[in-house]
């Protein structure tokens, strides 16, 4: 590749990866099975779109299956939600380039729930924080957080520098976390991820979570990991009796004494909700997103909203993958939700939909969500985030008021 026998795109990609590997003192490269990369114009902007077009001009082709993360635009609903015209144009440039390179344009932050379940022990080059922490912790696969250019390069070369979470010693637990609470629902598990992440705030720290009542459902584990990664930059966790590299506490720590001991209770989770204070009791937006919702989550919301009518001054959004949306439509969930006024968006997550412009154009300010990850991010876009359990968010969508 460095000799140019596989083209200019592969050569430049490998040169970039060599510089990354040298920075992290990697000894060699390791082949990967798949790559997962950013594709949203909110992050890439015109410079990113131009870079991808330049790579296409160099006949860039992905050497391994490469999937795309959640995007900025649902082309069928962009006008409905009032996005500015620049975003569909940018998105089309980016997606056309990635498709030319051979990417699978799934536009999802839950590729592991739809098309690419990570397998134990395999090496990956995934970029989205929520996908990486799932791959490492739940799947037992190996991936670092691969930033946009790094994930793109990995897809073009089929390998990554072997450092960080590709190495067994990095994967051992370093912090012991005791949880004495019965958690139910994605908001509660997201709250736990927030509490732990705030305490750690370190990419190289691996928490081991223990507790008598820790029996998360897959969607709850999804929300926990995404929140932990968002608040703490954490790329991996162990949960004793749940994740594959923590059949017991001793296995998780590998004979190493914990550097720290943390503990959390149900009272602390309830207290966390109260930290997100609404400026008034009216909800401008109710958003179910980050990560994108699964078929089961959409079904649960359809049941909650069935026969109800949304408040006319409160806009309610759901983001999901096109795959989950198609099956939810077949099952009648989409029709139920849309009949109440809920807008279902495919292939996007709210925080990469240029939300600052939506706030400017429509006066949005107070946003209520059951996503701890969104509540962490969205304040930076000019919103007043209110993080609450799912049932409270449903009530807010119907009444327009924030119950507590």
Protein backbone atom coordinates (compact mmCIF):
# COMPACT_ATOMS: atom_id res chain seq x y z
CA UNK A 1 0.00 0.00 0.00
CA UNK A 2 2.78 2.44 0.84
CA UNK A 3 4.33 1.76 -2.56
CA UNK A 4 1.08 2.89 -4.18
CA UNK A 5 0.27 -0.48 -5.74
CA UNK A 6 -3.25 -0.30 -4.24
CA UNK A 7 -3.81 3.30 -5.30
CA UNK A 8 -3.27 6.78 -3.90
CA UNK A 9 -6.22 6.59 -1.52
CA UNK A 10 -4.97 3.47 0.26
CA UNK A 11 -1.43 4.87 0.38
CA UNK A 12 -2.48 8.16 1.98
CA UNK A 13 -4.81 6.32 4.38
CA UNK A 14 -2.02 4.04 5.56
CA UNK A 15 0.38 6.94 5.94
CA UNK A 16 -2.17 8.61 8.21
CA UNK A 17 -2.59 5.41 10.22
CA UNK A 18 1.17 5.08 10.60
CA UNK A 19 1.30 8.52 12.21
CA UNK A 20 -1.53 7.57 14.57
CA UNK A 21 0.19 4.30 15.44
CA UNK A 22 3.48 6.03 16.11
CA UNK A 23 1.76 8.55 18.37
CA UNK A 24 0.23 5.74 20.47
CA UNK A 25 3.42 3.62 20.30
CA UNK A 26 1.71 0.75 18.49
CA UNK A 27 4.07 -2.08 17.53
CA UNK A 28 2.13 -3.26 14.49
CA UNK A 29 -1.22 -3.32 12.71
CA UNK A 30 -4.09 -5.76 13.18
CA UNK A 31 -6.63 -6.73 10.50
CA UNK A 32 -10.23 -5.67 11.12
CA UNK A 33 -13.50 -7.25 10.05
CA UNK A 34 -15.56 -4.03 9.69
CA UNK A 35 -15.36 -0.25 10.01
CA UNK A 36 -18.08 2.16 11.17
CA UNK A 37 -17.67 5.85 10.45
CA UNK A 38 -19.21 9.29 10.79
CA UNK A 39 -21.21 10.49 7.80
CA UNK A 40 -23.22 13.44 9.10
CA UNK A 41 -22.70 16.87 7.52
CA UNK A 42 -23.21 18.51 10.94
CA UNK A 43 -19.76 17.13 11.82
CA UNK A 44 -18.08 16.99 8.40
CA UNK A 45 -19.29 20.28 6.91
CA UNK A 46 -18.12 21.33 3.44
CA UNK A 47 -14.47 20.55 4.19
CA UNK A 48 -15.33 16.94 5.05
CA UNK A 49 -17.53 16.58 1.98
CA UNK A 50 -14.72 17.91 -0.23
CA UNK A 51 -12.22 15.53 1.37
CA UNK A 52 -14.44 12.54 0.62
CA UNK A 53 -14.88 13.72 -2.98
CA UNK A 54 -11.10 13.99 -3.26
CA UNK A 55 -10.76 10.39 -2.05
CA UNK A 56 -13.32 9.27 -4.64
CA UNK A 57 -11.24 11.01 -7.34
CA UNK A 58 -8.35 8.80 -6.19
CA UNK A 59 -10.51 5.69 -6.77
CA UNK A 60 -10.90 4.99 -3.05
CA UNK A 61 -12.62 1.68 -2.27
CA UNK A 62 -13.33 0.12 1.09
CA UNK A 63 -11.48 -3.16 1.62
CA UNK A 64 -13.76 -4.34 4.45
CA UNK A 65 -17.50 -3.90 5.08
CA UNK A 66 -17.97 -0.28 6.17
CA UNK A 67 -21.13 1.14 7.69
CA UNK A 68 -22.22 4.73 8.29
CA UNK A 69 -23.27 6.29 11.57
CA UNK A 70 -26.45 8.30 12.21
CA UNK A 71 -26.78 11.29 9.91
CA UNK A 72 -28.18 14.80 9.88
CA UNK A 73 -30.97 14.46 7.32
CA UNK A 74 -34.02 12.27 6.87
CA UNK A 75 -34.63 13.29 3.27
CA UNK A 76 -38.33 12.43 3.44
CA UNK A 77 -38.93 14.68 6.46
CA UNK A 78 -36.35 17.44 6.23
CA UNK A 79 -38.91 20.04 5.12
CA UNK A 80 -41.45 18.83 7.69
CA UNK A 81 -39.14 19.57 10.60
CA UNK A 82 -37.87 22.77 9.01
CA UNK A 83 -34.21 22.05 8.32
CA UNK A 84 -32.36 24.59 6.21
CA UNK A 85 -31.70 23.62 2.58
CA UNK A 86 -27.94 23.42 3.05
CA UNK A 87 -28.15 20.19 5.04
CA UNK A 88 -29.78 17.91 2.43
CA UNK A 89 -27.31 19.21 -0.17
CA UNK A 90 -24.31 18.50 2.04
CA UNK A 91 -25.69 15.14 3.11
CA UNK A 92 -26.19 14.06 -0.51
CA UNK A 93 -22.58 14.95 -1.38
CA UNK A 94 -21.25 12.95 1.54
CA UNK A 95 -23.46 9.90 1.04
CA UNK A 96 -22.81 9.81 -2.71
CA UNK A 97 -19.06 9.76 -2.05
CA UNK A 98 -19.29 7.03 0.58
CA UNK A 99 -21.54 4.96 -1.64
CA UNK A 100 -19.00 5.29 -4.45
CA UNK A 101 -16.37 3.87 -2.11
CA UNK A 102 -18.62 0.89 -1.33
CA UNK A 103 -20.05 1.84 2.07
CA UNK A 104 -23.29 0.42 3.38
CA UNK A 105 -25.39 3.56 3.98
CA UNK A 106 -27.29 2.30 7.00
CA UNK A 107 -26.97 5.67 8.82
CA UNK A 108 -27.40 4.19 12.26
CA UNK A 109 -25.75 4.50 15.66
CA UNK A 110 -27.08 1.04 16.56
CA UNK A 111 -25.46 -0.99 13.80
CA UNK A 112 -24.95 -3.70 16.42
CA UNK A 113 -28.75 -4.03 16.76
CA UNK A 114 -29.44 -4.12 13.06
CA UNK A 115 -26.76 -5.38 10.67
CA UNK A 116 -23.39 -5.93 12.36
CA UNK A 117 -23.32 -7.70 15.71
CA UNK A 118 -19.74 -7.66 17.07
CA UNK A 119 -18.23 -11.04 17.86
CA UNK A 120 -16.05 -11.95 20.81
CA UNK A 121 -12.35 -11.39 20.24
CA UNK A 122 -12.54 -9.85 16.78
CA UNK A 123 -10.96 -6.51 15.87
CA UNK A 124 -13.02 -3.59 14.55
CA UNK A 125 -12.55 0.07 13.62
CA UNK A 126 -15.70 1.76 14.88
CA UNK A 127 -16.09 5.48 15.46
CA UNK A 128 -19.33 6.29 17.30
CA UNK A 129 -18.83 6.19 21.06
CA UNK A 130 -22.03 4.24 21.72
CA UNK A 131 -21.15 1.58 19.17
CA UNK A 132 -17.58 1.20 20.43
CA UNK A 133 -18.53 0.73 24.07
CA UNK A 134 -21.12 -1.86 23.05
CA UNK A 135 -18.59 -3.72 20.90
CA UNK A 136 -15.96 -3.78 23.64
CA UNK A 137 -18.15 -4.41 26.66
CA UNK A 138 -21.18 -6.38 25.46
CA UNK A 139 -19.72 -8.12 22.41
CA UNK A 140 -16.21 -8.65 23.72
CA UNK A 141 -14.83 -7.36 20.41
CA UNK A 142 -11.87 -4.95 20.24
CA UNK A 143 -12.05 -1.35 19.05
CA UNK A 144 -10.79 2.07 20.01
CA UNK A 145 -12.80 5.24 19.43
CA UNK A 146 -11.83 5.79 15.78
CA UNK A 147 -12.38 9.44 14.85
CA UNK A 148 -13.83 10.21 11.40
CA UNK A 149 -10.57 10.23 9.38
CA UNK A 150 -9.22 7.23 11.32
CA UNK A 151 -12.32 5.09 10.71
CA UNK A 152 -12.30 6.09 7.04
CA UNK A 153 -8.64 5.13 6.73
CA UNK A 154 -9.31 1.79 8.42
CA UNK A 155 -12.07 1.00 5.95
CA UNK A 156 -9.69 1.78 3.07
CA UNK A 157 -6.79 -0.31 4.41
CA UNK A 158 -8.60 -3.07 6.29
CA UNK A 159 -6.47 -2.67 9.42
CA UNK A 160 -5.74 -0.44 12.42
CA UNK A 161 -2.73 0.25 14.62
CA UNK A 162 -2.68 -2.26 17.48
CA UNK A 163 -2.90 -0.14 20.65
CA UNK A 164 -5.38 0.62 23.41
CA UNK A 165 -8.40 -1.66 23.52
CA UNK A 166 -6.90 -4.03 20.95
CA UNK A 167 -4.46 -5.11 23.69
CA UNK A 168 -5.55 -7.46 26.54
CA UNK A 169 -3.98 -5.47 29.42
CA UNK A 170 -5.99 -2.33 28.54
CA UNK A 171 -9.23 -4.29 28.80
CA UNK A 172 -8.86 -5.18 32.49
CA UNK A 173 -11.04 -3.36 35.00
CA UNK A 174 -9.44 -0.61 37.08
CA UNK A 175 -12.36 0.80 39.12
CA UNK A 176 -14.90 -1.17 41.19
CA UNK A 177 -18.46 0.21 41.13
CA UNK A 178 -21.09 -1.15 43.51
CA UNK A 179 -24.71 -0.44 42.51
CA UNK A 180 -27.42 -1.02 45.11
CA UNK A 181 -30.52 -0.19 43.09
CA UNK A 182 -33.18 -1.94 41.06
CA UNK A 183 -33.06 -0.17 37.71
CA UNK A 184 -35.86 -0.29 35.15
CA UNK A 185 -36.10 1.55 31.86
CA UNK A 186 -33.60 3.20 29.58
CA UNK A 187 -33.66 6.49 31.49
CA UNK A 188 -32.66 4.86 34.79
CA UNK A 189 -29.83 2.96 33.14
CA UNK A 190 -28.77 6.11 31.32
CA UNK A 191 -28.74 7.92 34.66
CA UNK A 192 -26.40 5.29 36.08
CA UNK A 193 -24.10 5.75 33.10
CA UNK A 194 -24.10 9.48 33.77
CA UNK A 195 -23.22 9.07 37.45
CA UNK A 196 -20.34 6.69 36.77
CA UNK A 197 -19.08 8.61 33.75
CA UNK A 198 -18.91 11.90 35.65
CA UNK A 199 -16.75 10.26 38.31
CA UNK A 200 -14.33 8.65 35.84
CA UNK A 201 -14.04 11.02 32.85
CA UNK A 202 -11.09 9.04 31.47
CA UNK A 203 -10.84 7.10 28.21
CA UNK A 204 -8.29 4.67 29.66
CA UNK A 205 -10.33 3.76 32.77
CA UNK A 206 -12.42 0.58 32.74
CA UNK A 207 -15.13 0.31 35.42
CA UNK A 208 -16.39 -3.01 36.72
CA UNK A 209 -20.03 -2.75 37.83
CA UNK A 210 -21.40 -5.12 40.45
CA UNK A 211 -24.78 -5.41 42.10
CA UNK A 212 -27.35 -7.95 43.18
CA UNK A 213 -30.08 -6.45 40.98
CA UNK A 214 -28.18 -5.78 37.75
CA UNK A 215 -30.24 -7.54 35.10
CA UNK A 216 -30.43 -5.08 32.19
CA UNK A 217 -32.42 -5.69 29.03
CA UNK A 218 -30.49 -5.13 25.78
CA UNK A 219 -32.01 -1.68 25.20
CA UNK A 220 -31.25 -0.69 28.78
CA UNK A 221 -27.65 -1.82 28.33
CA UNK A 222 -27.54 0.22 25.12
CA UNK A 223 -28.60 3.38 26.96
CA UNK A 224 -26.21 2.71 29.83
CA UNK A 225 -23.20 2.32 27.54
CA UNK A 226 -24.04 5.35 25.42
CA UNK A 227 -24.44 7.51 28.52
CA UNK A 228 -21.26 6.19 30.15
CA UNK A 229 -19.30 6.95 26.99
CA UNK A 230 -20.87 10.40 26.63
CA UNK A 231 -20.29 11.61 30.20
CA UNK A 232 -17.03 9.80 30.88
CA UNK A 233 -15.30 9.21 27.52
CA UNK A 234 -15.26 5.58 28.65
CA UNK A 235 -14.74 3.01 25.88
CA UNK A 236 -15.37 -0.19 27.84
CA UNK A 237 -16.98 -1.50 31.01
CA UNK A 238 -17.46 -4.83 32.71
CA UNK A 239 -20.70 -5.88 34.41
CA UNK A 240 -20.27 -9.02 36.46
CA UNK A 241 -22.51 -11.82 35.25
CA UNK A 242 -23.64 -9.82 32.22
CA UNK A 243 -20.69 -8.98 29.95
CA UNK A 244 -18.49 -11.78 28.51
CA UNK A 245 -15.15 -10.77 30.06
CA UNK A 246 -16.61 -10.52 33.56
CA UNK A 247 -18.08 -13.87 34.45
CA UNK A 248 -16.88 -12.99 37.94
CA UNK A 249 -15.11 -10.08 39.61
CA UNK A 250 -11.71 -11.77 39.61
CA UNK A 251 -11.83 -12.28 35.85
CA UNK A 252 -12.72 -8.64 35.23
CA UNK A 253 -9.76 -7.32 37.23
CA UNK A 254 -7.28 -10.01 36.19
CA UNK A 255 -5.59 -10.04 39.56
CA UNK A 256 -5.16 -6.25 39.74
CA UNK A 257 -6.42 -4.34 42.77
CA UNK A 258 -9.00 -1.64 41.95
CA UNK A 259 -7.57 1.85 41.83
CA UNK A 260 -10.87 3.29 43.12
CA UNK A 261 -14.10 2.13 44.73
CA UNK A 262 -17.42 3.81 43.89
CA UNK A 263 -20.99 3.09 44.98
CA UNK A 264 -24.41 4.33 43.88
CA UNK A 265 -27.96 3.96 45.16
CA UNK A 266 -31.46 4.49 43.80
CA UNK A 267 -31.69 7.78 45.72
CA UNK A 268 -28.74 9.17 43.77
CA UNK A 269 -30.44 8.33 40.49
CA UNK A 270 -33.61 10.14 41.56
CA UNK A 271 -31.50 13.08 42.66
CA UNK A 272 -29.81 13.17 39.25
CA UNK A 273 -33.11 13.76 37.45
CA UNK A 274 -33.68 16.82 39.65
CA UNK A 275 -30.39 18.33 38.48
CA UNK A 276 -31.96 18.94 35.06
CA UNK A 277 -34.17 21.88 35.97
CA UNK A 278 -36.76 23.20 33.50
CA UNK A 279 -36.81 26.96 33.04
CA UNK A 280 -40.60 26.78 32.82
CA UNK A 281 -43.19 24.03 32.87
CA UNK A 282 -43.83 24.00 29.11
CA UNK A 283 -42.02 21.50 26.88
CA UNK A 284 -41.12 22.88 23.45
CA UNK A 285 -39.75 19.52 22.31
CA UNK A 286 -40.00 15.91 23.46
CA UNK A 287 -37.27 13.83 21.86
CA UNK A 288 -36.74 10.06 22.01
CA UNK A 289 -33.28 9.52 20.53
CA UNK A 290 -29.56 8.99 21.22
CA UNK A 291 -29.14 6.10 20.65
CA UNK A 292 -31.68 5.45 17.91
CA UNK A 293 -34.67 3.45 19.11
CA UNK A 294 -35.08 -0.28 18.54
CA UNK A 295 -38.24 -2.00 17.30
CA UNK A 296 -39.09 -2.95 20.88
CA UNK A 297 -38.68 0.61 22.13
CA UNK A 298 -40.86 1.97 19.32
CA UNK A 299 -43.48 -0.66 20.16
CA UNK A 300 -43.51 0.38 23.81
CA UNK A 301 -43.98 4.03 22.86
CA UNK A 302 -46.76 3.10 20.43
CA UNK A 303 -48.57 1.40 23.29
CA UNK A 304 -48.08 4.43 25.54
CA UNK A 305 -49.32 6.91 22.93
CA UNK A 306 -52.15 4.80 21.47
CA UNK A 307 -55.44 6.71 21.43
CA UNK A 308 -53.82 9.90 22.70
CA UNK A 309 -53.44 13.31 21.06
CA UNK A 310 -50.28 15.35 21.34
CA UNK A 311 -50.27 18.89 22.66
CA UNK A 312 -50.33 21.23 19.63
CA UNK A 313 -47.52 23.44 20.96
CA UNK A 314 -45.14 20.59 21.77
CA UNK A 315 -43.31 18.79 18.98
CA UNK A 316 -42.48 15.13 19.62
CA UNK A 317 -39.75 13.32 17.70
CA UNK A 318 -38.45 9.76 17.55
CA UNK A 319 -35.24 8.82 15.74
CA UNK A 320 -34.56 5.29 14.58
CA UNK A 321 -32.82 3.29 11.88
CA UNK A 322 -34.47 2.66 8.52
CA UNK A 323 -34.40 -1.07 9.30
CA UNK A 324 -36.22 -0.67 12.63
CA UNK A 325 -38.64 1.81 11.05
CA UNK A 326 -39.56 -0.60 8.27
CA UNK A 327 -40.34 -3.42 10.66
CA UNK A 328 -42.16 -1.08 13.05
CA UNK A 329 -44.29 0.07 10.14
CA UNK A 330 -45.13 -3.54 9.25
CA UNK A 331 -46.15 -4.16 12.87
CA UNK A 332 -48.34 -1.04 12.92
CA UNK A 333 -46.28 0.85 15.49
CA UNK A 334 -45.40 3.70 13.14
CA UNK A 335 -49.01 4.20 12.09
CA UNK A 336 -50.12 4.35 15.73
CA UNK A 337 -47.51 6.92 16.62
CA UNK A 338 -48.00 9.07 13.53
CA UNK A 339 -51.76 9.13 14.09
CA UNK A 340 -51.12 10.96 17.37
CA UNK A 341 -48.76 13.45 15.75
CA UNK A 342 -45.39 11.89 16.68
CA UNK A 343 -42.79 12.46 13.95
CA UNK A 344 -40.57 9.45 13.26
CA UNK A 345 -37.23 10.26 11.67
CA UNK A 346 -35.04 7.64 10.01
CA UNK A 347 -31.26 7.53 9.81
CA UNK A 348 -30.60 10.48 12.13
CA UNK A 349 -29.95 11.37 15.76
CA UNK A 350 -31.24 14.69 17.04
CA UNK A 351 -27.95 16.12 18.26
CA UNK A 352 -26.41 15.92 14.76
CA UNK A 353 -29.45 17.46 13.01
CA UNK A 354 -28.11 21.03 13.32
CA UNK A 355 -30.30 21.49 16.43
CA UNK A 356 -28.93 24.98 17.08
CA UNK A 357 -30.53 26.16 13.84
CA UNK A 358 -33.85 24.53 14.73
CA UNK A 359 -33.72 26.38 18.04
CA UNK A 360 -33.01 29.68 16.28
CA UNK A 361 -35.65 29.21 13.58
CA UNK A 362 -38.52 27.92 15.75
CA UNK A 363 -37.77 29.29 19.20
CA UNK A 364 -37.14 25.89 20.76
CA UNK A 365 -35.63 26.07 24.21
CA UNK A 366 -36.94 23.54 26.74
CA UNK A 367 -36.37 19.97 25.58
CA UNK A 368 -37.45 16.94 27.59
CA UNK A 369 -35.91 13.54 26.88
CA UNK A 370 -35.35 10.12 28.40
CA UNK A 371 -31.88 10.02 26.83
CA UNK A 372 -29.13 10.85 29.30
CA UNK A 373 -26.74 11.17 26.36
CA UNK A 374 -28.86 13.79 24.59
CA UNK A 375 -29.32 15.70 27.85
CA UNK A 376 -25.53 15.85 28.14
CA UNK A 377 -24.95 17.15 24.62
CA UNK A 378 -27.88 19.37 23.74
CA UNK A 379 -27.26 22.23 26.18
CA UNK A 380 -24.28 23.17 24.03
CA UNK A 381 -26.73 23.90 21.21
CA UNK A 382 -28.71 26.44 23.21
CA UNK A 383 -31.34 24.17 24.78
CA UNK A 384 -32.57 23.78 28.33
CA UNK A 385 -32.40 19.96 28.68
CA UNK A 386 -34.77 18.18 31.04
CA UNK A 387 -33.85 14.52 31.61
CA UNK A 388 -36.72 12.39 32.90
CA UNK A 389 -38.04 8.79 32.79
CA UNK A 390 -39.86 7.72 29.64
CA UNK A 391 -43.33 7.87 31.24
CA UNK A 392 -42.78 11.51 32.20
CA UNK A 393 -41.68 12.35 28.67
CA UNK A 394 -44.83 10.74 27.28
CA UNK A 395 -47.00 12.82 29.63
CA UNK A 396 -45.15 15.97 28.58
CA UNK A 397 -45.82 15.24 24.90
CA UNK A 398 -49.54 14.82 25.59
CA UNK A 399 -50.08 17.70 28.01
CA UNK A 400 -47.35 20.09 26.90
CA UNK A 401 -46.36 20.39 30.57
CA UNK A 402 -43.41 18.93 32.45
CA UNK A 403 -44.98 17.01 35.36
CA UNK A 404 -41.97 17.39 37.71
